[in-house]
N, C-alpha and C. Protein backbone atom coordinates (compact mmCIF):
# COMPACT_ATOMS: atom_id res chain seq x y z
N MET A 1 0.84 -1.17 0.00
CA MET A 1 0.00 0.00 0.00
C MET A 1 0.89 1.23 0.00
N GLY A 2 0.57 2.16 -0.85
CA GLY A 2 1.36 3.37 -0.95
C GLY A 2 1.00 4.37 0.13
N GLY A 3 1.91 5.30 0.38
CA GLY A 3 1.64 6.33 1.37
C GLY A 3 0.88 7.47 0.73
N GLY A 4 0.66 8.52 1.51
CA GLY A 4 -0.04 9.69 1.00
C GLY A 4 -1.53 9.56 1.16
N HIS A 5 -2.19 10.57 0.68
CA HIS A 5 -3.64 10.61 0.82
C HIS A 5 -4.29 10.48 -0.54
N GLN A 6 -5.38 9.80 -0.57
CA GLN A 6 -6.14 9.65 -1.79
C GLN A 6 -7.34 10.58 -1.71
N PRO A 7 -7.66 11.26 -2.80
CA PRO A 7 -8.83 12.14 -2.76
C PRO A 7 -10.10 11.33 -2.58
N ARG A 8 -11.01 11.89 -1.84
CA ARG A 8 -12.32 11.26 -1.66
C ARG A 8 -13.27 11.94 -2.63
N ARG A 9 -14.01 11.16 -3.32
CA ARG A 9 -14.98 11.71 -4.26
C ARG A 9 -16.37 11.34 -3.78
N ARG A 10 -17.25 12.26 -3.92
CA ARG A 10 -18.64 11.99 -3.57
C ARG A 10 -19.28 11.21 -4.72
N ARG A 11 -19.98 10.20 -4.37
CA ARG A 11 -20.68 9.41 -5.37
C ARG A 11 -22.16 9.75 -5.33
N PRO A 12 -22.83 9.58 -6.44
CA PRO A 12 -24.27 9.81 -6.43
C PRO A 12 -24.95 8.92 -5.40
N ALA A 13 -26.03 9.40 -4.82
CA ALA A 13 -26.73 8.67 -3.77
C ALA A 13 -27.23 7.31 -4.24
N HIS A 14 -27.52 7.15 -5.51
CA HIS A 14 -28.06 5.89 -6.01
C HIS A 14 -27.00 4.82 -6.25
N ARG A 15 -25.73 5.17 -6.16
CA ARG A 15 -24.66 4.20 -6.40
C ARG A 15 -23.87 3.97 -5.12
N PRO A 16 -23.93 2.77 -4.56
CA PRO A 16 -23.17 2.53 -3.34
C PRO A 16 -21.67 2.56 -3.62
N PRO A 17 -20.88 2.99 -2.64
CA PRO A 17 -19.43 3.02 -2.87
C PRO A 17 -18.88 1.60 -2.98
N ALA A 18 -17.87 1.46 -3.78
CA ALA A 18 -17.22 0.17 -3.91
C ALA A 18 -16.38 -0.10 -2.68
N GLN A 19 -16.26 -1.34 -2.30
CA GLN A 19 -15.40 -1.68 -1.18
C GLN A 19 -14.38 -2.71 -1.62
N PRO A 20 -13.13 -2.29 -1.70
CA PRO A 20 -12.08 -3.27 -2.01
C PRO A 20 -12.00 -4.33 -0.93
N ARG A 21 -11.74 -5.54 -1.33
CA ARG A 21 -11.55 -6.64 -0.39
C ARG A 21 -10.25 -7.32 -0.74
N ALA A 22 -9.46 -7.65 0.26
CA ALA A 22 -8.18 -8.30 0.02
C ALA A 22 -8.03 -9.47 0.97
N ALA A 23 -7.36 -10.49 0.48
CA ALA A 23 -7.01 -11.64 1.30
C ALA A 23 -5.50 -11.78 1.25
N GLU A 24 -4.89 -11.81 2.40
CA GLU A 24 -3.44 -11.95 2.51
C GLU A 24 -3.16 -13.11 3.45
N LEU A 25 -2.43 -14.09 2.97
CA LEU A 25 -2.14 -15.28 3.77
C LEU A 25 -1.08 -15.02 4.83
N VAL A 26 -0.15 -14.13 4.56
CA VAL A 26 0.96 -13.86 5.48
C VAL A 26 0.50 -12.84 6.53
N GLU A 27 0.51 -13.26 7.79
CA GLU A 27 -0.07 -12.45 8.87
C GLU A 27 0.52 -11.05 8.96
N HIS A 28 1.85 -10.91 8.95
CA HIS A 28 2.43 -9.58 9.14
C HIS A 28 2.13 -8.66 7.95
N LYS A 29 1.96 -9.22 6.77
CA LYS A 29 1.60 -8.40 5.61
C LYS A 29 0.15 -7.92 5.70
N ALA A 30 -0.73 -8.78 6.16
CA ALA A 30 -2.13 -8.38 6.34
C ALA A 30 -2.25 -7.31 7.41
N GLU A 31 -1.53 -7.49 8.50
CA GLU A 31 -1.58 -6.51 9.59
C GLU A 31 -1.03 -5.16 9.12
N ARG A 32 0.06 -5.18 8.39
CA ARG A 32 0.64 -3.93 7.89
C ARG A 32 -0.34 -3.23 6.96
N ALA A 33 -1.03 -3.96 6.13
CA ALA A 33 -1.99 -3.36 5.20
C ALA A 33 -3.19 -2.76 5.92
N ARG A 34 -3.52 -3.31 7.10
CA ARG A 34 -4.67 -2.80 7.86
C ARG A 34 -4.34 -1.61 8.74
N THR A 35 -3.10 -1.26 8.88
CA THR A 35 -2.73 -0.20 9.82
C THR A 35 -3.21 1.16 9.38
N GLN A 36 -3.35 2.03 10.32
CA GLN A 36 -3.78 3.40 10.04
C GLN A 36 -2.80 4.09 9.10
N GLU A 37 -1.51 3.79 9.24
CA GLU A 37 -0.52 4.41 8.38
C GLU A 37 -0.74 4.07 6.91
N ALA A 38 -1.23 2.88 6.65
CA ALA A 38 -1.49 2.49 5.26
C ALA A 38 -2.71 3.22 4.71
N GLY A 39 -3.57 3.68 5.60
CA GLY A 39 -4.75 4.42 5.18
C GLY A 39 -5.84 3.57 4.57
N SER A 40 -5.79 2.27 4.77
CA SER A 40 -6.77 1.40 4.12
C SER A 40 -7.94 0.99 5.01
N GLU A 41 -7.80 1.15 6.33
CA GLU A 41 -8.82 0.60 7.22
C GLU A 41 -10.20 1.18 7.00
N GLU A 42 -10.27 2.40 6.51
CA GLU A 42 -11.57 3.04 6.27
C GLU A 42 -12.19 2.59 4.95
N TYR A 43 -11.35 2.16 4.02
CA TYR A 43 -11.83 1.90 2.67
C TYR A 43 -11.84 0.44 2.25
N ALA A 44 -11.05 -0.39 2.88
CA ALA A 44 -10.89 -1.75 2.39
C ALA A 44 -11.09 -2.78 3.49
N ASP A 45 -11.55 -3.93 3.10
CA ASP A 45 -11.71 -5.07 4.00
C ASP A 45 -10.53 -6.01 3.72
N ILE A 46 -9.55 -5.97 4.61
CA ILE A 46 -8.33 -6.76 4.42
C ILE A 46 -8.32 -7.88 5.45
N ARG A 47 -8.32 -9.10 4.98
CA ARG A 47 -8.42 -10.27 5.86
C ARG A 47 -7.16 -11.12 5.75
N GLN A 48 -6.79 -11.72 6.87
CA GLN A 48 -5.67 -12.65 6.86
C GLN A 48 -6.27 -14.04 6.67
N GLU A 49 -6.40 -14.40 5.41
CA GLU A 49 -7.04 -15.66 5.04
C GLU A 49 -6.49 -16.12 3.70
N ASP A 50 -6.81 -17.32 3.34
CA ASP A 50 -6.43 -17.89 2.06
C ASP A 50 -7.43 -17.43 1.00
N ALA A 51 -6.94 -16.72 -0.01
CA ALA A 51 -7.81 -16.16 -1.05
C ALA A 51 -8.59 -17.24 -1.79
N ARG A 52 -8.07 -18.46 -1.85
CA ARG A 52 -8.79 -19.54 -2.53
C ARG A 52 -10.12 -19.82 -1.84
N GLN A 53 -10.20 -19.54 -0.55
CA GLN A 53 -11.45 -19.74 0.18
C GLN A 53 -12.22 -18.44 0.34
N THR A 54 -11.54 -17.39 0.78
CA THR A 54 -12.17 -16.11 1.10
C THR A 54 -12.87 -15.48 -0.09
N LEU A 55 -12.23 -15.52 -1.24
CA LEU A 55 -12.76 -14.81 -2.40
C LEU A 55 -13.62 -15.68 -3.30
N ARG A 56 -13.75 -16.95 -2.96
CA ARG A 56 -14.46 -17.90 -3.81
C ARG A 56 -15.90 -17.48 -4.11
N ASP A 57 -16.61 -16.98 -3.13
CA ASP A 57 -18.04 -16.70 -3.31
C ASP A 57 -18.36 -15.21 -3.23
N LEU A 58 -17.45 -14.36 -3.70
CA LEU A 58 -17.74 -12.93 -3.69
C LEU A 58 -18.93 -12.64 -4.59
N PRO A 59 -19.84 -11.81 -4.10
CA PRO A 59 -20.94 -11.44 -4.99
C PRO A 59 -20.43 -10.49 -6.07
N GLY A 60 -21.06 -10.53 -7.20
CA GLY A 60 -20.67 -9.64 -8.30
C GLY A 60 -21.57 -8.43 -8.34
N PRO A 61 -21.39 -7.58 -9.26
CA PRO A 61 -20.33 -7.67 -10.24
C PRO A 61 -19.01 -7.14 -9.67
N ILE A 62 -17.93 -7.73 -10.12
CA ILE A 62 -16.58 -7.31 -9.74
C ILE A 62 -16.01 -6.52 -10.91
N ASP A 63 -15.47 -5.34 -10.60
CA ASP A 63 -14.93 -4.45 -11.64
C ASP A 63 -13.44 -4.59 -11.84
N PHE A 64 -12.71 -4.94 -10.79
CA PHE A 64 -11.25 -4.98 -10.85
C PHE A 64 -10.75 -6.07 -9.93
N PHE A 65 -9.76 -6.84 -10.40
CA PHE A 65 -9.17 -7.89 -9.57
C PHE A 65 -7.66 -7.88 -9.75
N LEU A 66 -6.93 -7.62 -8.68
CA LEU A 66 -5.47 -7.70 -8.68
C LEU A 66 -5.10 -9.08 -8.15
N ASN A 67 -4.56 -9.89 -9.01
CA ASN A 67 -4.19 -11.27 -8.67
C ASN A 67 -2.68 -11.28 -8.42
N ASP A 68 -2.30 -11.04 -7.19
CA ASP A 68 -0.89 -10.91 -6.82
C ASP A 68 -0.52 -11.98 -5.81
N GLY A 69 -0.82 -13.20 -6.17
CA GLY A 69 -0.55 -14.31 -5.26
C GLY A 69 0.56 -15.20 -5.77
N TRP A 70 0.75 -16.30 -5.10
CA TRP A 70 1.76 -17.27 -5.50
C TRP A 70 1.36 -17.88 -6.84
N PRO A 71 2.34 -18.07 -7.73
CA PRO A 71 2.03 -18.56 -9.08
C PRO A 71 1.21 -19.85 -9.11
N GLU A 72 1.49 -20.74 -8.18
CA GLU A 72 0.80 -22.04 -8.21
C GLU A 72 -0.67 -21.96 -7.81
N VAL A 73 -1.14 -20.82 -7.30
CA VAL A 73 -2.55 -20.72 -6.90
C VAL A 73 -3.34 -19.64 -7.63
N VAL A 74 -2.71 -18.87 -8.53
CA VAL A 74 -3.45 -17.77 -9.16
C VAL A 74 -4.67 -18.25 -9.93
N LEU A 75 -4.58 -19.38 -10.60
CA LEU A 75 -5.76 -19.91 -11.29
C LEU A 75 -6.81 -20.43 -10.32
N ASP A 76 -6.38 -21.01 -9.21
CA ASP A 76 -7.32 -21.49 -8.19
C ASP A 76 -8.13 -20.34 -7.60
N VAL A 77 -7.57 -19.15 -7.61
CA VAL A 77 -8.28 -17.96 -7.11
C VAL A 77 -9.15 -17.37 -8.22
N LEU A 78 -8.60 -17.24 -9.42
CA LEU A 78 -9.30 -16.57 -10.52
C LEU A 78 -10.48 -17.34 -11.07
N GLU A 79 -10.33 -18.63 -11.29
CA GLU A 79 -11.40 -19.39 -11.95
C GLU A 79 -12.75 -19.28 -11.25
N PRO A 80 -12.85 -19.46 -9.93
CA PRO A 80 -14.16 -19.33 -9.29
C PRO A 80 -14.73 -17.91 -9.33
N LEU A 81 -13.85 -16.90 -9.43
CA LEU A 81 -14.31 -15.51 -9.48
C LEU A 81 -14.79 -15.10 -10.86
N THR A 82 -14.36 -15.78 -11.89
CA THR A 82 -14.62 -15.36 -13.26
C THR A 82 -16.10 -15.09 -13.54
N PRO A 83 -17.05 -15.92 -13.12
CA PRO A 83 -18.45 -15.61 -13.41
C PRO A 83 -18.94 -14.29 -12.78
N ALA A 84 -18.31 -13.85 -11.70
CA ALA A 84 -18.73 -12.61 -11.03
C ALA A 84 -18.10 -11.36 -11.65
N LEU A 85 -17.13 -11.54 -12.54
CA LEU A 85 -16.49 -10.40 -13.20
C LEU A 85 -17.43 -9.85 -14.27
N ARG A 86 -17.75 -8.58 -14.16
CA ARG A 86 -18.64 -7.98 -15.16
C ARG A 86 -17.91 -7.81 -16.48
N PRO A 87 -18.61 -7.75 -17.60
CA PRO A 87 -17.95 -7.42 -18.86
C PRO A 87 -17.25 -6.07 -18.73
N GLY A 88 -16.02 -6.01 -19.15
CA GLY A 88 -15.21 -4.80 -19.00
C GLY A 88 -14.36 -4.79 -17.75
N ALA A 89 -14.54 -5.78 -16.88
CA ALA A 89 -13.72 -5.86 -15.66
C ALA A 89 -12.26 -6.08 -16.04
N VAL A 90 -11.38 -5.54 -15.22
CA VAL A 90 -9.94 -5.65 -15.47
C VAL A 90 -9.34 -6.61 -14.45
N VAL A 91 -8.51 -7.52 -14.93
CA VAL A 91 -7.76 -8.44 -14.08
C VAL A 91 -6.28 -8.18 -14.33
N VAL A 92 -5.54 -7.85 -13.28
CA VAL A 92 -4.10 -7.63 -13.38
C VAL A 92 -3.43 -8.72 -12.56
N THR A 93 -2.58 -9.50 -13.21
CA THR A 93 -1.83 -10.54 -12.51
C THR A 93 -0.37 -10.11 -12.50
N ASP A 94 0.18 -9.96 -11.30
CA ASP A 94 1.52 -9.41 -11.13
C ASP A 94 2.59 -10.49 -11.28
N ASN A 95 3.81 -10.05 -11.61
CA ASN A 95 5.03 -10.87 -11.69
C ASN A 95 5.07 -11.86 -12.84
N VAL A 96 4.15 -11.76 -13.77
CA VAL A 96 4.09 -12.73 -14.87
C VAL A 96 5.32 -12.62 -15.76
N GLY A 97 5.80 -11.41 -16.00
CA GLY A 97 6.98 -11.24 -16.85
C GLY A 97 8.25 -11.75 -16.21
N ALA A 98 8.38 -11.56 -14.91
CA ALA A 98 9.59 -11.98 -14.21
C ALA A 98 9.64 -13.49 -13.99
N MET A 99 8.48 -14.13 -13.93
CA MET A 99 8.41 -15.56 -13.63
C MET A 99 7.55 -16.26 -14.66
N ARG A 100 7.88 -16.07 -15.93
CA ARG A 100 7.05 -16.57 -17.04
C ARG A 100 6.74 -18.05 -16.93
N GLY A 101 7.74 -18.85 -16.63
CA GLY A 101 7.51 -20.30 -16.54
C GLY A 101 6.53 -20.66 -15.44
N ASP A 102 6.62 -19.96 -14.31
CA ASP A 102 5.73 -20.24 -13.19
C ASP A 102 4.28 -19.86 -13.47
N TYR A 103 4.07 -18.90 -14.38
CA TYR A 103 2.72 -18.42 -14.70
C TYR A 103 2.23 -18.95 -16.05
N ALA A 104 2.93 -19.91 -16.64
CA ALA A 104 2.57 -20.39 -17.97
C ALA A 104 1.14 -20.93 -18.02
N ASP A 105 0.71 -21.68 -17.02
CA ASP A 105 -0.66 -22.22 -17.02
C ASP A 105 -1.69 -21.09 -16.96
N HIS A 106 -1.43 -20.11 -16.11
CA HIS A 106 -2.34 -18.96 -16.00
C HIS A 106 -2.44 -18.22 -17.32
N THR A 107 -1.29 -17.93 -17.92
CA THR A 107 -1.28 -17.18 -19.18
C THR A 107 -2.00 -17.95 -20.27
N ALA A 108 -1.73 -19.23 -20.38
CA ALA A 108 -2.40 -20.05 -21.39
C ALA A 108 -3.91 -20.06 -21.17
N TRP A 109 -4.35 -20.21 -19.93
CA TRP A 109 -5.78 -20.27 -19.61
C TRP A 109 -6.49 -18.97 -19.93
N ILE A 110 -5.95 -17.85 -19.46
CA ILE A 110 -6.65 -16.58 -19.61
C ILE A 110 -6.68 -16.10 -21.06
N ARG A 111 -5.77 -16.62 -21.88
CA ARG A 111 -5.73 -16.23 -23.29
C ARG A 111 -6.56 -17.16 -24.18
N LEU A 112 -7.12 -18.20 -23.63
CA LEU A 112 -8.01 -19.06 -24.42
C LEU A 112 -9.27 -18.27 -24.78
N PRO A 113 -9.66 -18.26 -26.05
CA PRO A 113 -10.83 -17.46 -26.46
C PRO A 113 -12.11 -17.80 -25.71
N ASP A 114 -12.31 -19.06 -25.34
CA ASP A 114 -13.56 -19.43 -24.67
C ASP A 114 -13.61 -19.02 -23.20
N LYS A 115 -12.54 -18.46 -22.65
CA LYS A 115 -12.53 -18.01 -21.25
C LYS A 115 -13.10 -16.61 -21.10
N GLY A 116 -13.24 -15.88 -22.20
CA GLY A 116 -13.90 -14.58 -22.16
C GLY A 116 -13.03 -13.42 -21.73
N PHE A 117 -11.76 -13.44 -22.11
CA PHE A 117 -10.84 -12.35 -21.79
C PHE A 117 -10.06 -11.95 -23.04
N VAL A 118 -9.66 -10.70 -23.08
CA VAL A 118 -8.63 -10.23 -23.99
C VAL A 118 -7.47 -9.89 -23.08
N SER A 119 -6.26 -10.37 -23.41
CA SER A 119 -5.16 -10.28 -22.47
C SER A 119 -3.86 -9.96 -23.17
N LEU A 120 -3.00 -9.21 -22.47
CA LEU A 120 -1.67 -8.91 -22.98
C LEU A 120 -0.72 -8.75 -21.82
N ARG A 121 0.55 -8.90 -22.12
CA ARG A 121 1.58 -8.74 -21.09
C ARG A 121 2.12 -7.33 -21.18
N ALA A 122 2.13 -6.62 -20.07
CA ALA A 122 2.72 -5.28 -19.99
C ALA A 122 4.07 -5.39 -19.29
N SER A 123 5.01 -4.61 -19.72
CA SER A 123 6.36 -4.71 -19.15
C SER A 123 6.56 -3.75 -17.98
N PHE A 124 5.53 -3.52 -17.22
CA PHE A 124 5.62 -2.68 -16.03
C PHE A 124 6.33 -3.44 -14.93
N ARG A 125 7.42 -2.90 -14.43
CA ARG A 125 8.24 -3.50 -13.37
C ARG A 125 8.53 -4.97 -13.63
N THR A 126 7.87 -5.86 -12.92
CA THR A 126 8.15 -7.30 -13.07
C THR A 126 7.24 -7.96 -14.09
N GLY A 127 6.51 -7.17 -14.85
CA GLY A 127 5.66 -7.70 -15.89
C GLY A 127 4.31 -8.14 -15.38
N THR A 128 3.27 -7.52 -15.86
CA THR A 128 1.92 -7.89 -15.47
C THR A 128 1.19 -8.47 -16.67
N GLU A 129 0.28 -9.35 -16.42
CA GLU A 129 -0.66 -9.81 -17.44
C GLU A 129 -1.93 -9.02 -17.19
N ASP A 130 -2.29 -8.18 -18.16
CA ASP A 130 -3.44 -7.30 -18.02
C ASP A 130 -4.56 -7.83 -18.91
N SER A 131 -5.69 -8.13 -18.30
CA SER A 131 -6.78 -8.81 -19.01
C SER A 131 -8.08 -8.05 -18.79
N VAL A 132 -8.91 -8.06 -19.81
CA VAL A 132 -10.22 -7.43 -19.74
C VAL A 132 -11.26 -8.50 -20.05
N ARG A 133 -12.27 -8.57 -19.21
CA ARG A 133 -13.36 -9.54 -19.37
C ARG A 133 -14.26 -9.09 -20.52
N THR A 134 -14.48 -9.97 -21.48
CA THR A 134 -15.29 -9.61 -22.63
C THR A 134 -16.69 -10.20 -22.57
N GLY A 135 -16.89 -11.15 -21.73
CA GLY A 135 -18.23 -11.76 -21.68
C GLY A 135 -18.35 -12.78 -20.61
């Protein structure tokens, strides 16, 4: 989580504010993300849990998903969430460029036409796979 302050924007009364939800398996990382210094406690629900369980039954529609987990479980987290992703939702999977072999199954899966994504690799830092849900 970055430092600094994020601007607060007023939303129309008919649209509820979005609430980011995060699952972090490593206790000290989850605690650090929840601290007042991180500025997330007011805006996000950060749990110290296994994302494969915690995020499995999230209600949709989901607009954005940052998949920044261990390579061997990214598909186990993404696949059950896919039906809840609205068309146009963005999925960013981190470290794909730096660890291409470890993410090969994920990359192959998300690029299959029948999975409903358009996807490309961006060379931002360690390389992200940036995907948009098409259907």
